Amino acid sequence: MKGIVRTLIGLVALLVLALGCMPLPPPAPPDTVVPTPTNTPKPSPTPASSDTPVPTPTNTPTPFPTPIPSPSPTDTPVPPPPPPPTDTPVPPPPPPPTDTPVPPSPPPPLPDPLLIDNCEDGNNRNLLGGYWFTYDDRGSGGTSEVVPPAGGEFYCTAGGAQGTGFSAQMTGRVTTAYQYGFIGMGTNFAEPRAPRDISGYRGISFWAKGDGKAYRISFPQASIQDFDYYGTVFVAPQGWTQVTILFADLRQGGFGAPVPWTGTDVFGIQWQTVGQPHNSIFLAVDELRFLP
């Protein structure tokens, strides 16, 4: 009898060990009856010789661990780390404003309504809008030469009266290939060439410097067609000297038809050599203005 009991106990132990290694079924949903496995062993009788109870195995399934949900990603951008500090020096703040008043700039000088030209712009145009030019006797068969060349672009030359920057100058020579050989320079009052009324002025003044020779200043006018313009003769001093010409002192040369002087149709001013021949010529004029 005792051998049978031992045998049963050993079988029960083997059965318990086998049940522990078997996979458990998943937990049943609520209100679902879990069927009892058919191989559940019945409790064994307690051996008479032992008081230690043998625990009865159960088929209670082991619950699965509850999964921990992963944190859901968010759309919140992560700001970039701040830039590392640099050694660039920070400029100091500007000084505070002061109450010291700033004096206003002086107004620009008013234009001189009497000024014809002072040549300070260095170009070949006077302040009335007309151009400077030179001329010679080549159109009459002569061989006299003038610089700047006749028909070319006139240009003002460095060195003006009273220490100014520029003046109108001509150089050259006069020959006798043409009986009345000449060279000259001039400036018109308008461009295109047109007469101007200068009858409201008494005359003109200008600064002159030259070779000590005589020159004739004349005022071409529309009413005279034979070139016998009104004018007068002056001597160009070797140093800058102011010359005054009054319109009341002007006379025609006498080789053309007499025409009265009105001063209402004058084209401009011309300076021309007197006599011939001249191996060299030099005349400079500057600071031309009307006399009120």
Protein backbone atom coordinates (compact mmCIF):
# COMPACT_ATOMS: atom_id res chain seq x y z
CA MET A 1 0.00 0.00 0.00
CA LYS A 2 2.73 2.40 0.85
CA GLY A 3 4.39 1.71 -2.49
CA ILE A 4 1.24 2.65 -4.33
CA VAL A 5 1.02 5.97 -2.44
CA ARG A 6 4.60 6.84 -3.26
CA THR A 7 3.99 6.06 -6.90
CA LEU A 8 0.93 8.35 -6.97
CA ILE A 9 2.87 11.16 -5.30
CA GLY A 10 5.58 10.89 -7.90
CA LEU A 11 3.04 11.01 -10.73
CA VAL A 12 1.38 14.06 -9.20
CA ALA A 13 4.74 15.82 -8.97
CA LEU A 14 5.50 15.05 -12.61
CA LEU A 15 2.06 16.31 -13.63
CA VAL A 16 2.53 19.55 -11.71
CA LEU A 17 5.91 20.07 -13.35
CA ALA A 18 4.41 19.45 -16.80
CA LEU A 19 1.58 21.89 -16.21
CA GLY A 20 4.03 24.62 -15.17
CA CYS A 21 5.86 24.37 -18.52
CA MET A 22 2.73 24.53 -20.66
CA PRO A 23 1.80 27.96 -22.23
CA LEU A 24 -1.15 29.63 -20.58
CA PRO A 25 -4.17 30.65 -22.67
CA PRO A 26 -4.81 34.39 -23.13
CA PRO A 27 -7.08 36.06 -20.63
CA ALA A 28 -10.74 35.70 -21.43
CA PRO A 29 -12.86 38.77 -22.10
CA PRO A 30 -15.32 39.84 -19.40
CA ASP A 31 -18.24 37.51 -18.68
CA THR A 32 -16.53 34.75 -20.68
CA VAL A 33 -16.42 31.39 -18.92
CA VAL A 34 -13.01 29.81 -19.11
CA PRO A 35 -13.43 26.09 -19.62
CA THR A 36 -11.69 23.89 -17.13
CA PRO A 37 -8.92 21.87 -18.71
CA THR A 38 -9.76 18.18 -18.92
CA ASN A 39 -6.38 17.10 -17.64
CA THR A 40 -6.69 18.89 -14.28
CA PRO A 41 -5.60 16.29 -11.73
CA LYS A 42 -7.82 15.45 -8.82
CA PRO A 43 -6.41 16.07 -5.39
CA SER A 44 -4.39 13.12 -4.15
CA PRO A 45 -5.09 11.56 -0.80
CA THR A 46 -2.87 12.73 1.93
CA PRO A 47 -0.43 10.02 2.94
CA ALA A 48 -1.11 8.64 6.32
CA SER A 49 2.42 8.92 7.42
CA SER A 50 2.84 12.62 6.68
CA ASP A 51 1.12 15.76 8.04
CA THR A 52 2.56 18.12 5.27
CA PRO A 53 -0.27 19.08 2.88
CA VAL A 54 0.54 18.97 -0.85
CA PRO A 55 -0.66 22.15 -2.60
CA THR A 56 -3.15 21.60 -5.34
CA PRO A 57 -2.13 23.22 -8.64
CA THR A 58 -4.56 25.67 -10.14
CA ASN A 59 -5.19 26.69 -13.76
CA THR A 60 -5.50 30.43 -12.98
CA PRO A 61 -3.85 32.16 -15.96
CA THR A 62 -0.99 34.58 -15.34
CA PRO A 63 -2.13 38.09 -16.43
CA PHE A 64 -0.16 39.72 -19.21
CA PRO A 65 1.67 42.96 -18.23
CA THR A 66 -0.16 46.14 -19.23
CA PRO A 67 1.74 47.81 -22.14
CA ILE A 68 3.04 51.31 -21.42
CA PRO A 69 1.98 53.67 -24.27
CA SER A 70 4.82 55.49 -26.04
CA PRO A 71 4.65 59.28 -25.82
CA SER A 72 3.12 60.72 -28.96
CA PRO A 73 5.38 63.09 -30.94
CA THR A 74 4.56 66.77 -30.90
CA ASP A 75 4.95 69.47 -33.57
CA THR A 76 6.53 71.96 -31.23
CA PRO A 77 9.92 72.95 -32.82
CA VAL A 78 12.93 72.77 -30.64
CA PRO A 79 14.77 76.15 -30.71
CA PRO A 80 18.40 75.99 -31.87
CA PRO A 81 21.09 76.56 -29.30
CA PRO A 82 22.29 80.16 -28.98
CA PRO A 83 25.38 81.11 -31.05
CA PRO A 84 28.66 81.07 -29.23
CA PRO A 85 29.86 84.46 -28.02
CA THR A 86 32.27 86.32 -30.26
CA ASP A 87 35.06 88.74 -29.55
CA THR A 88 33.66 91.47 -31.86
CA PRO A 89 33.73 94.73 -29.90
CA VAL A 90 30.43 96.46 -29.42
CA PRO A 91 30.56 100.10 -30.65
CA PRO A 92 29.97 102.66 -27.94
CA PRO A 93 26.64 104.51 -27.95
CA PRO A 94 26.56 107.89 -29.73
CA PRO A 95 27.19 110.93 -27.60
CA PRO A 96 24.10 112.68 -26.31
CA PRO A 97 22.90 115.64 -28.36
CA THR A 98 24.01 119.05 -27.28
CA ASP A 99 22.11 122.27 -27.24
CA THR A 100 24.81 124.13 -29.17
CA PRO A 101 23.07 125.71 -32.19
CA VAL A 102 24.57 124.93 -35.58
CA PRO A 103 25.01 128.07 -37.66
CA PRO A 104 23.10 127.96 -40.96
CA SER A 105 25.00 127.62 -44.21
CA PRO A 106 25.51 130.88 -46.06
CA PRO A 107 23.17 131.36 -49.03
CA PRO A 108 24.65 130.76 -52.48
CA PRO A 109 25.89 133.87 -54.22
CA LEU A 110 23.35 135.58 -56.44
CA PRO A 111 24.08 135.47 -60.17
CA ASP A 112 25.54 138.68 -61.55
CA PRO A 113 23.07 139.92 -64.20
CA LEU A 114 25.80 142.08 -65.75
CA LEU A 115 28.38 139.29 -66.14
CA ILE A 116 28.88 138.06 -69.70
CA ASP A 117 31.57 135.49 -68.86
CA ASN A 118 34.43 134.91 -66.42
CA CYS A 119 35.66 131.68 -68.07
CA GLU A 120 35.81 129.91 -64.71
CA ASP A 121 33.85 126.91 -65.99
CA GLY A 122 36.75 126.27 -68.37
CA ASN A 123 34.50 125.50 -71.32
CA ASN A 124 33.86 127.32 -74.59
CA ARG A 125 30.45 128.77 -73.70
CA ASN A 126 29.72 132.11 -72.03
CA LEU A 127 27.13 132.74 -69.34
CA LEU A 128 24.60 134.08 -71.87
CA GLY A 129 24.60 130.80 -73.78
CA GLY A 130 26.75 131.79 -76.77
CA TYR A 131 30.03 130.17 -77.79
CA TRP A 132 33.59 131.43 -78.03
CA PHE A 133 35.37 131.09 -81.40
CA THR A 134 38.41 132.20 -83.43
CA TYR A 135 38.70 133.27 -87.09
CA ASP A 136 41.40 134.17 -89.63
CA ASP A 137 41.88 135.45 -93.21
CA ARG A 138 42.08 132.07 -94.96
CA GLY A 139 38.62 132.57 -96.38
CA SER A 140 40.00 135.62 -98.20
CA GLY A 141 43.10 133.85 -99.54
CA GLY A 142 45.36 134.67 -96.60
CA THR A 143 47.76 132.42 -94.70
CA SER A 144 47.52 133.89 -91.22
CA GLU A 145 47.23 131.35 -88.38
CA VAL A 146 45.36 131.49 -85.10
CA VAL A 147 45.32 129.19 -82.06
CA PRO A 148 42.88 127.70 -81.12
CA PRO A 149 42.39 126.98 -84.85
CA ALA A 150 39.55 128.72 -86.68
CA GLY A 151 36.60 126.38 -87.15
CA GLY A 152 37.76 124.10 -84.35
CA GLU A 153 36.63 123.88 -80.74
CA PHE A 154 37.60 126.86 -78.66
CA TYR A 155 38.80 126.24 -75.11
CA CYS A 156 39.54 128.54 -72.22
CA THR A 157 43.16 128.58 -71.03
CA ALA A 158 44.56 128.39 -67.51
CA GLY A 159 45.46 131.73 -65.97
CA GLY A 160 42.84 134.42 -65.41
CA ALA A 161 42.65 137.99 -64.24
CA GLN A 162 43.07 138.78 -60.54
CA GLY A 163 44.29 135.28 -59.76
CA THR A 164 41.29 133.46 -61.26
CA GLY A 165 41.59 130.11 -62.98
CA PHE A 166 40.87 130.68 -66.69
CA SER A 167 40.66 133.27 -69.46
CA ALA A 168 39.92 133.39 -73.18
CA GLN A 169 43.18 133.59 -75.15
CA MET A 170 44.42 133.57 -78.72
CA THR A 171 47.91 133.29 -80.18
CA GLY A 172 49.17 133.09 -83.75
CA ARG A 173 50.71 135.15 -86.53
CA VAL A 174 49.50 137.49 -89.29
CA THR A 175 50.89 137.41 -92.82
CA THR A 176 50.45 139.65 -95.87
CA ALA A 177 49.34 136.92 -98.24
CA TYR A 178 46.03 138.67 -97.93
CA GLN A 179 46.53 142.45 -98.20
CA TYR A 180 44.52 143.07 -95.03
CA GLY A 181 45.62 140.00 -93.17
CA PHE A 182 44.14 139.41 -89.70
CA ILE A 183 43.23 136.91 -86.99
CA GLY A 184 40.72 137.34 -84.18
CA MET A 185 38.53 135.75 -81.50
CA GLY A 186 35.03 136.49 -80.30
CA THR A 187 31.97 135.31 -78.40
CA ASN A 188 28.29 135.46 -79.39
CA PHE A 189 25.44 136.45 -77.11
CA ALA A 190 23.26 133.49 -78.07
CA GLU A 191 23.33 130.04 -79.63
CA PRO A 192 22.14 129.66 -82.34
CA ARG A 193 23.63 132.99 -83.28
CA ALA A 194 20.99 135.68 -82.88
CA PRO A 195 20.99 139.45 -82.20
CA ARG A 196 20.52 140.75 -78.66
CA ASP A 197 19.29 144.13 -77.47
CA ILE A 198 22.05 145.72 -75.37
CA SER A 199 20.81 149.28 -75.74
CA GLY A 200 20.03 149.45 -72.00
CA TYR A 201 23.75 149.38 -71.11
CA ARG A 202 26.37 152.13 -71.37
CA GLY A 203 29.11 149.80 -72.54
CA ILE A 204 31.23 146.86 -71.37
CA SER A 205 34.36 146.30 -69.29
CA PHE A 206 36.86 143.45 -69.37
CA TRP A 207 40.34 142.58 -68.19
CA ALA A 208 43.05 142.24 -70.85
CA LYS A 209 46.65 141.09 -71.02
CA GLY A 210 48.78 140.78 -74.13
CA ASP A 211 51.87 141.65 -76.12
CA GLY A 212 51.56 145.45 -75.99
CA LYS A 213 50.08 145.63 -79.50
CA ALA A 214 46.91 147.36 -80.71
CA TYR A 215 43.67 145.42 -81.12
CA ARG A 216 40.24 146.48 -82.30
CA ILE A 217 37.16 145.47 -80.33
CA SER A 218 33.96 145.50 -82.41
CA PHE A 219 30.27 144.61 -82.02
CA PRO A 220 28.77 142.84 -85.06
CA GLN A 221 25.15 143.84 -85.65
CA ALA A 222 22.44 142.47 -87.90
CA SER A 223 21.89 145.80 -89.69
CA ILE A 224 25.48 145.82 -91.04
CA GLN A 225 26.22 143.37 -93.88
CA ASP A 226 29.66 144.54 -95.11
CA PHE A 227 31.59 143.84 -91.88
CA ASP A 228 32.15 147.54 -91.16
CA TYR A 229 31.05 147.08 -87.56
CA TYR A 230 31.10 149.67 -84.81
CA GLY A 231 34.20 149.43 -82.61
CA THR A 232 37.29 151.06 -81.16
CA VAL A 233 41.04 150.34 -80.73
CA PHE A 234 42.85 149.62 -77.44
CA VAL A 235 46.37 148.47 -76.54
CA ALA A 236 46.75 145.12 -74.75
CA PRO A 237 49.10 145.72 -71.78
CA GLN A 238 51.57 143.05 -70.73
CA GLY A 239 49.95 142.72 -67.30
CA TRP A 240 46.28 142.23 -66.44
CA THR A 241 44.51 145.60 -66.79
CA GLN A 242 40.82 146.47 -66.75
CA VAL A 243 39.57 148.05 -69.99
CA THR A 244 36.35 150.06 -70.24
CA ILE A 245 34.53 150.50 -73.58
CA LEU A 246 31.62 152.96 -73.83
CA PHE A 247 29.12 152.45 -76.65
CA ALA A 248 29.03 156.22 -77.19
CA ASP A 249 32.69 156.10 -78.26
CA LEU A 250 32.24 153.42 -80.95
CA ARG A 251 32.76 154.21 -84.65
CA GLN A 252 32.57 152.30 -87.91
CA GLY A 253 35.82 151.62 -89.78
CA GLY A 254 34.82 153.79 -92.74
CA PHE A 255 35.17 151.21 -95.54
CA GLY A 256 31.50 150.27 -95.62
CA ALA A 257 28.09 151.85 -95.79
CA PRO A 258 27.29 154.06 -92.80
CA VAL A 259 24.64 152.59 -90.49
CA PRO A 260 23.43 154.21 -87.26
CA TRP A 261 24.24 152.55 -83.94
CA THR A 262 21.13 151.48 -82.02
CA GLY A 263 22.44 148.64 -79.83
CA THR A 264 19.25 146.64 -80.40
CA ASP A 265 20.59 144.02 -82.83
CA VAL A 266 24.08 143.07 -81.64
CA PHE A 267 25.34 139.51 -82.16
CA GLY A 268 28.32 139.59 -79.81
CA ILE A 269 31.88 140.88 -79.29
CA GLN A 270 35.06 140.40 -81.38
CA TRP A 271 38.76 141.19 -80.81
CA GLN A 272 40.90 141.45 -83.95
CA THR A 273 44.52 142.29 -84.81
CA VAL A 274 45.40 145.70 -86.28
CA GLY A 275 47.99 145.96 -89.08
CA GLN A 276 50.22 143.32 -90.64
CA PRO A 277 52.43 141.42 -90.59
CA HIS A 278 52.86 140.09 -87.04
CA ASN A 279 55.24 137.24 -86.37
CA SER A 280 53.51 136.48 -83.09
CA ILE A 281 50.26 137.46 -81.47
CA PHE A 282 49.06 137.06 -77.89
CA LEU A 283 45.87 138.40 -76.33
CA ALA A 284 43.94 137.24 -73.26
CA VAL A 285 40.62 138.63 -71.98
CA ASP A 286 38.61 137.83 -68.87
CA GLU A 287 35.78 139.06 -66.62
CA LEU A 288 33.52 140.50 -69.32
CA ARG A 289 30.50 142.44 -68.06
CA PHE A 290 28.00 145.03 -69.13
CA LEU A 291 28.10 148.55 -67.68
CA PRO A 292 24.67 149.65 -66.37
